[in-house]
Amino acid sequence: MDKISCVRLLSTPIGTVRICGDKQVVTAVEFDDKYEEYEIIGELTAPVEACLNQLREYFAGSRKKFDVPLHLEGTPFQKTVWNALQKIPFAKRVSYKEVAEMIGNPQGQRAVGLANNHNPIAIVVPCHRVLGANGKLVGYAGGLWRKSWLLEHEAKVMGQNLFV
């Protein structure tokens, strides 16, 4: 993997999102409240451009699945959790316990929560779809208001009743 060579900022309904990557992959999608508009660092790479376009489509309600190449930097356990998160369908909500069961570690819901908290690729790796055992919003590095917005957005796109 090349050193990160491209950074772009995208204004979204839930604040500015920073997308980082190189010529092969996207390495980060993070909330960045320091900026209000697009920022250009380095030459625009194909993966970062694809991610920008797909995020725009997601927020417009026309994209339900992302297919940009990713590089997830983390421990083997974190990567297992993040890979499982990518299998959660659009607008579906699951518990931390369900994710722990998905990865074959039924007692690992706290560890799943910690992995979610360190997810470097927000929205694209949909940790916002994971809820507490009681169905309540808990833990989101971008803030619970963003998690609520993302879940409401996905429910609206699917014509579902809002729950939050």
Foldseek 3Di string as FASTA:
>chain_A
DDDWAWWKWDQAPLAIWIWIDDQAATEATGHDRPDHHIDIGHDDHPLSVLVNVQVVCVRVLNDFAGDGHHDYDDDPVLVLLLVLLNVQGQLAAEELQVSCVVSPRNVCSVVSLVSQLVGRYDPNSDPLRYDHPVRHRDDDNSDSVVSLVRNQSRCVSVVHDRDD
